[in-house]
Amino acid sequence: MSHGRTAIVLAAVERCRKRLWAHCYRMSGRRTEADDLSQEAIARAIERAGDLKEEAAVEGWLFRIATTVCLDHLRAAHRNRTLTELVDPVVFDELPAPPADPEATVLLRDDVRLAVVAALQHLVPKQRAAVLLHDVCGLPLAEVAATIGTNGNAAKATLHRGRAALERARGRSDVDVPVAADVVERLAVALESRAVDALAALLADDVWGVVDGGGVVKVATRPTFGARALLRRFANLNRRVNVPVASRVVRLNGEPAVLVTLPTLANAVFASVHVETRADRIVAMRVVRDPAKLAPLQEMIH
């Protein structure tokens, strides 16, 4: 019997391996932690295969185990995120693309967009777990409650608070899914040519932006609101960075993004730029300048 359960678990792991990694990435926001946490979850599931009650529920059981592993890790880490801290950009296109015209919802099934994963990090871990297990994994509230160690009513309240917190962290959810590719292409041209006017033509009046320097690169410590303020920061950056830059559109977090490199410095990655669009305008811009987050992207330019 135990051998049969192990075979069932191993088969489910192979079906869900990428989704388990994505779940751990959404929970932690970090590439290496997702690697470690997903492997720990798989090892724990195989070790506990005999505890599996229903073969039909094996996938939900796997995600509950992965969530517990993540919660244990986050509880030990005591992580406090700053307003400008983003998540690791990742090359991860294997998940199904979100629908082109989603219903009015903040979180889509199998969504790994940087904007959404970054917003999830502003939820307390149990809220994050409740939203992901219920709204992404489709688990009933009873199983969510058992995973986060509470009762059904408390789990329902946690889910409600988590959804509200995610809405606030997102800022706006009336955005193109996926991002408008032509706008990203035009952004890449504007950044490479350092054309302030070309960038201005792409920005919505109420655009907002944030830059993550990882505590290493000197950047603004708060988000920037409004097209005029964002353009001023772009002009200031142009003056400070007096070497040529190159920009190319790449796929990061399942969407087009701009990778900015420095050709005169061995094509070192300078930034990744992730935008959200609406009505052919950029409504949000998230820029990663943290060298640690950018280092794994260096291989994309070769």
Protein backbone atom coordinates (compact mmCIF):
# COMPACT_ATOMS: atom_id res chain seq x y z
CA MET A 1 0.00 0.00 0.00
CA SER A 2 2.78 2.42 0.94
CA HIS A 3 4.61 1.68 -2.33
CA GLY A 4 1.44 2.42 -4.28
CA ARG A 5 0.98 5.75 -2.50
CA THR A 6 4.59 6.67 -3.22
CA ALA A 7 4.07 5.98 -6.93
CA ILE A 8 0.96 8.19 -6.91
CA VAL A 9 2.87 11.00 -5.21
CA LEU A 10 5.84 10.71 -7.60
CA ALA A 11 3.53 10.89 -10.61
CA ALA A 12 1.80 13.96 -9.18
CA VAL A 13 5.15 15.62 -8.50
CA GLU A 14 6.14 15.22 -12.15
CA ARG A 15 2.82 16.74 -13.27
CA CYS A 16 3.05 19.63 -10.81
CA ARG A 17 6.79 20.32 -10.57
CA LYS A 18 6.69 23.66 -12.43
CA ARG A 19 3.51 24.77 -10.69
CA LEU A 20 4.98 23.87 -7.29
CA TRP A 21 8.04 25.98 -8.08
CA ALA A 22 5.82 28.88 -9.14
CA HIS A 23 3.79 28.54 -5.94
CA CYS A 24 6.96 28.75 -3.82
CA TYR A 25 8.13 31.71 -5.91
CA ARG A 26 4.84 33.52 -5.29
CA MET A 27 5.15 32.80 -1.59
CA SER A 28 8.80 33.90 -1.26
CA GLY A 29 9.45 36.27 -4.18
CA ARG A 30 12.96 34.87 -4.59
CA ARG A 31 14.32 32.52 -7.20
CA THR A 32 16.79 30.58 -5.06
CA GLU A 33 14.32 30.25 -2.21
CA ALA A 34 11.72 28.87 -4.62
CA ASP A 35 14.31 26.29 -5.75
CA ASP A 36 15.02 25.20 -2.19
CA LEU A 37 11.45 25.36 -0.91
CA SER A 38 9.96 23.40 -3.81
CA GLN A 39 12.63 20.69 -3.41
CA GLU A 40 11.96 20.53 0.33
CA ALA A 41 8.22 20.24 -0.34
CA ILE A 42 8.77 17.41 -2.81
CA ALA A 43 11.05 15.56 -0.40
CA ARG A 44 8.55 15.99 2.43
CA ALA A 45 5.68 14.75 0.24
CA ILE A 46 7.55 11.62 -0.80
CA GLU A 47 8.51 10.95 2.82
CA ARG A 48 4.88 11.30 3.90
CA ALA A 49 3.29 9.47 0.98
CA GLY A 50 1.67 7.05 3.39
CA ASP A 51 -0.36 9.93 4.85
CA LEU A 52 -2.16 10.54 1.54
CA LYS A 53 -5.84 9.73 2.09
CA GLU A 54 -7.38 10.16 -1.36
CA GLU A 55 -5.63 9.65 -4.68
CA ALA A 56 -7.93 12.19 -6.35
CA ALA A 57 -6.81 14.89 -3.92
CA VAL A 58 -3.06 14.36 -4.36
CA GLU A 59 -2.36 17.68 -6.13
CA GLY A 60 -4.08 19.76 -3.48
CA TRP A 61 -2.21 17.74 -0.84
CA LEU A 62 1.10 18.60 -2.55
CA PHE A 63 0.32 22.31 -2.57
CA ARG A 64 -0.69 22.20 1.08
CA ILE A 65 2.67 20.65 1.93
CA ALA A 66 4.50 23.26 -0.18
CA THR A 67 2.59 26.03 1.58
CA THR A 68 3.50 24.66 5.01
CA VAL A 69 7.17 24.52 3.99
CA CYS A 70 6.98 28.14 2.81
CA LEU A 71 5.19 29.34 5.95
CA ASP A 72 7.81 27.67 8.15
CA HIS A 73 10.54 29.41 6.16
CA LEU A 74 8.89 32.83 6.21
CA ARG A 75 8.18 32.55 9.93
CA ALA A 76 11.88 31.91 10.58
CA ALA A 77 13.04 34.65 8.19
CA HIS A 78 11.09 37.53 9.83
CA ARG A 79 11.38 39.48 6.59
CA ASN A 80 10.32 43.12 6.38
CA ARG A 81 10.03 44.45 2.84
CA THR A 82 10.58 48.11 1.99
CA LEU A 83 8.25 50.09 -0.25
CA THR A 84 10.67 49.81 -3.15
CA GLU A 85 11.67 46.16 -2.78
CA LEU A 86 10.58 44.05 -5.73
CA VAL A 87 10.94 40.34 -6.40
CA ASP A 88 13.43 38.42 -8.51
CA PRO A 89 12.66 38.62 -12.24
CA VAL A 90 12.47 35.09 -13.62
CA VAL A 91 12.51 33.41 -17.00
CA PHE A 92 9.47 31.23 -16.67
CA ASP A 93 7.18 30.80 -19.65
CA GLU A 94 6.14 27.20 -19.19
CA LEU A 95 2.95 27.99 -17.29
CA PRO A 96 -0.22 28.56 -19.33
CA ALA A 97 -0.65 32.22 -20.27
CA PRO A 98 -3.39 34.11 -18.40
CA PRO A 99 -6.54 34.74 -20.45
CA ALA A 100 -6.51 37.84 -22.64
CA ASP A 101 -9.66 39.28 -21.10
CA PRO A 102 -9.80 38.16 -17.46
CA GLU A 103 -12.76 38.63 -15.20
CA ALA A 104 -12.52 41.37 -12.58
CA THR A 105 -9.99 39.64 -10.39
CA VAL A 106 -6.57 40.62 -9.08
CA LEU A 107 -4.97 37.20 -9.10
CA LEU A 108 -5.14 34.89 -12.09
CA ARG A 109 -4.53 31.17 -12.05
CA ASP A 110 -0.87 30.35 -12.70
CA ASP A 111 0.01 34.07 -12.71
CA VAL A 112 3.72 34.84 -12.34
CA ARG A 113 3.69 38.47 -13.51
CA LEU A 114 6.26 40.48 -11.58
CA ALA A 115 3.69 43.08 -10.55
CA VAL A 116 1.44 40.46 -8.98
CA VAL A 117 4.20 38.46 -7.27
CA ALA A 118 5.66 41.70 -5.87
CA ALA A 119 2.26 42.73 -4.52
CA LEU A 120 1.80 39.34 -2.86
CA GLN A 121 4.90 39.96 -0.76
CA HIS A 122 3.10 42.80 1.04
CA LEU A 123 0.56 40.37 2.50
CA VAL A 124 1.38 38.71 5.79
CA PRO A 125 2.37 35.08 5.12
CA LYS A 126 -0.92 33.50 6.24
CA GLN A 127 -2.91 35.90 4.04
CA ARG A 128 -0.60 35.11 1.14
CA ALA A 129 -1.10 31.39 1.72
CA ALA A 130 -4.89 31.71 1.96
CA VAL A 131 -5.18 33.72 -1.26
CA LEU A 132 -2.88 31.39 -3.21
CA LEU A 133 -4.38 28.15 -1.94
CA HIS A 134 -7.99 29.24 -2.41
CA ASP A 135 -7.89 31.55 -5.44
CA VAL A 136 -5.03 29.96 -7.41
CA CYS A 137 -4.96 26.33 -6.31
CA GLY A 138 -8.73 26.12 -5.90
CA LEU A 139 -8.68 24.44 -2.49
CA PRO A 140 -11.79 24.67 -0.30
CA LEU A 141 -11.73 26.84 2.79
CA ALA A 142 -11.62 23.81 5.09
CA GLU A 143 -8.29 22.72 3.57
CA VAL A 144 -6.98 26.29 3.62
CA ALA A 145 -7.87 26.50 7.32
CA ALA A 146 -6.10 23.22 8.09
CA THR A 147 -2.97 24.37 6.25
CA ILE A 148 -2.65 27.73 7.99
CA GLY A 149 -3.64 26.28 11.36
CA THR A 150 -6.99 27.89 12.02
CA ASN A 151 -10.75 27.24 11.75
CA GLY A 152 -13.05 27.81 8.81
CA ASN A 153 -14.41 31.19 9.90
CA ALA A 154 -10.96 32.54 10.67
CA ALA A 155 -9.66 31.26 7.32
CA LYS A 156 -12.51 33.03 5.54
CA ALA A 157 -11.61 36.28 7.31
CA THR A 158 -7.93 35.81 6.49
CA LEU A 159 -8.80 35.25 2.83
CA HIS A 160 -10.98 38.38 2.77
CA ARG A 161 -8.24 40.50 4.36
CA GLY A 162 -5.63 39.02 2.03
CA ARG A 163 -7.67 39.86 -1.08
CA ALA A 164 -8.17 43.43 0.15
CA ALA A 165 -4.47 43.80 0.96
CA LEU A 166 -3.54 42.49 -2.48
CA GLU A 167 -5.85 45.03 -4.15
CA ARG A 168 -4.18 47.83 -2.19
CA ALA A 169 -0.67 46.59 -2.96
CA ARG A 170 -1.46 46.24 -6.67
CA GLY A 171 -2.59 49.88 -6.90
CA ARG A 172 -4.78 49.11 -9.90
CA SER A 173 -5.90 45.93 -11.58
CA ASP A 174 -7.54 47.43 -14.71
CA VAL A 175 -4.47 46.60 -16.78
CA ASP A 176 -3.76 44.70 -19.97
CA VAL A 177 -3.14 40.98 -19.47
CA PRO A 178 -0.63 40.33 -20.85
CA VAL A 179 1.06 43.71 -21.16
CA ALA A 180 0.76 45.46 -24.55
CA ALA A 181 3.81 44.18 -26.45
CA ASP A 182 3.98 47.15 -28.84
CA VAL A 183 4.20 49.58 -25.91
CA VAL A 184 7.08 47.58 -24.46
CA GLU A 185 8.85 47.66 -27.84
CA ARG A 186 8.47 51.44 -28.02
CA LEU A 187 9.71 51.74 -24.44
CA ALA A 188 12.87 49.81 -25.32
CA VAL A 189 13.57 52.22 -28.18
CA ALA A 190 12.96 55.26 -25.96
CA LEU A 191 15.27 53.96 -23.23
CA GLU A 192 18.10 53.11 -25.62
CA SER A 193 17.87 56.47 -27.39
CA ARG A 194 17.43 58.30 -24.05
CA ALA A 195 14.51 60.12 -25.65
CA VAL A 196 12.55 61.89 -22.92
CA ASP A 197 9.84 62.97 -25.39
CA ALA A 198 9.38 59.42 -26.66
CA LEU A 199 9.05 58.16 -23.10
CA ALA A 200 6.61 60.96 -22.25
CA ALA A 201 4.35 59.86 -25.13
CA LEU A 202 4.07 56.41 -23.56
CA LEU A 203 3.17 57.44 -20.00
CA ALA A 204 -0.32 57.85 -18.59
CA ASP A 205 -0.70 61.04 -16.57
CA ASP A 206 -1.26 59.03 -13.39
CA VAL A 207 1.57 56.56 -13.98
CA TRP A 208 3.59 55.49 -10.97
CA GLY A 209 6.97 53.84 -10.75
CA VAL A 210 9.34 52.19 -8.32
CA VAL A 211 13.04 51.29 -8.52
CA ASP A 212 14.61 48.48 -6.48
CA GLY A 213 18.32 49.03 -5.87
CA GLY A 214 18.62 46.22 -3.35
CA GLY A 215 20.24 48.55 -0.84
CA VAL A 216 23.34 48.57 -3.07
CA VAL A 217 22.46 50.92 -5.93
CA LYS A 218 21.39 54.41 -4.87
CA VAL A 219 17.76 54.90 -5.91
CA ALA A 220 14.67 56.71 -4.64
CA THR A 221 13.43 55.20 -1.40
CA ARG A 222 9.77 55.77 -2.24
CA PRO A 223 7.60 55.23 -5.32
CA THR A 224 7.29 58.07 -7.82
CA PHE A 225 3.80 59.24 -8.77
CA GLY A 226 2.79 61.08 -11.95
CA ALA A 227 4.29 61.36 -15.42
CA ARG A 228 6.09 64.64 -14.77
CA ALA A 229 7.88 63.33 -11.67
CA LEU A 230 8.83 60.09 -13.38
CA LEU A 231 10.22 61.96 -16.40
CA ARG A 232 12.33 64.15 -14.11
CA ARG A 233 13.87 61.05 -12.58
CA PHE A 234 14.56 59.64 -16.05
CA ALA A 235 16.25 62.87 -17.12
CA ASN A 236 18.38 62.87 -13.95
CA LEU A 237 19.41 59.27 -14.59
CA ASN A 238 20.39 60.17 -18.15
CA ARG A 239 22.76 62.80 -16.79
CA ARG A 240 24.31 60.46 -14.22
CA VAL A 241 24.80 57.47 -16.54
CA ASN A 242 27.09 58.93 -19.20
CA VAL A 243 27.82 55.71 -21.09
CA PRO A 244 25.83 54.16 -23.95
CA VAL A 245 23.02 51.77 -23.08
CA ALA A 246 21.36 49.07 -25.12
CA SER A 247 17.80 47.84 -24.65
CA ARG A 248 16.14 44.66 -25.80
CA VAL A 249 12.73 43.14 -25.23
CA VAL A 250 12.87 39.80 -23.42
CA ARG A 251 10.29 37.57 -21.76
CA LEU A 252 10.41 37.75 -17.98
CA ASN A 253 7.71 36.46 -15.64
CA GLY A 254 5.72 35.36 -18.67
CA GLU A 255 5.47 38.84 -20.21
CA PRO A 256 7.55 41.16 -22.42
CA ALA A 257 9.96 43.32 -20.40
CA VAL A 258 12.96 45.48 -21.24
CA LEU A 259 16.49 44.42 -20.36
CA VAL A 260 18.92 47.37 -20.32
CA THR A 261 22.63 46.61 -20.71
CA LEU A 262 25.90 48.56 -20.89
CA PRO A 263 27.72 47.66 -24.15
CA THR A 264 30.98 49.34 -23.14
CA LEU A 265 31.10 47.35 -19.91
CA ALA A 266 30.93 43.82 -21.36
CA ASN A 267 27.16 44.12 -21.80
CA ALA A 268 26.60 44.11 -18.05
CA VAL A 269 22.91 44.08 -17.18
CA PHE A 270 22.00 47.52 -15.88
CA ALA A 271 18.26 47.08 -15.23
CA SER A 272 15.15 45.12 -16.03
CA VAL A 273 12.07 47.23 -16.66
CA HIS A 274 8.60 45.79 -16.14
CA VAL A 275 5.51 47.80 -17.03
CA GLU A 276 1.76 47.53 -16.86
CA THR A 277 -0.30 49.07 -19.64
CA ARG A 278 -3.80 50.32 -20.26
CA ALA A 279 -5.19 51.98 -23.42
CA ASP A 280 -1.72 52.04 -25.06
CA ARG A 281 -0.15 53.88 -22.14
CA ILE A 282 2.13 52.78 -19.32
CA VAL A 283 0.29 53.00 -16.00
CA ALA A 284 2.93 51.38 -13.78
CA MET A 285 6.67 50.85 -14.10
CA ARG A 286 8.79 48.60 -11.89
CA VAL A 287 12.55 48.77 -12.41
CA VAL A 288 14.97 46.24 -10.92
CA ARG A 289 18.50 47.64 -10.39
CA ASP A 290 19.53 45.24 -7.62
CA PRO A 291 22.72 43.51 -8.88
CA ALA A 292 21.87 40.28 -7.05
CA LYS A 293 18.47 40.06 -8.72
CA LEU A 294 19.91 40.92 -12.14
CA ALA A 295 22.93 38.60 -12.13
CA PRO A 296 21.01 35.49 -13.32
CA LEU A 297 19.70 37.49 -16.32
CA GLN A 298 23.19 38.07 -17.73
CA GLU A 299 22.96 34.88 -19.77
CA MET A 300 19.98 36.26 -21.69
CA ILE A 301 22.19 38.71 -23.62
CA HIS A 302 24.53 36.12 -25.12
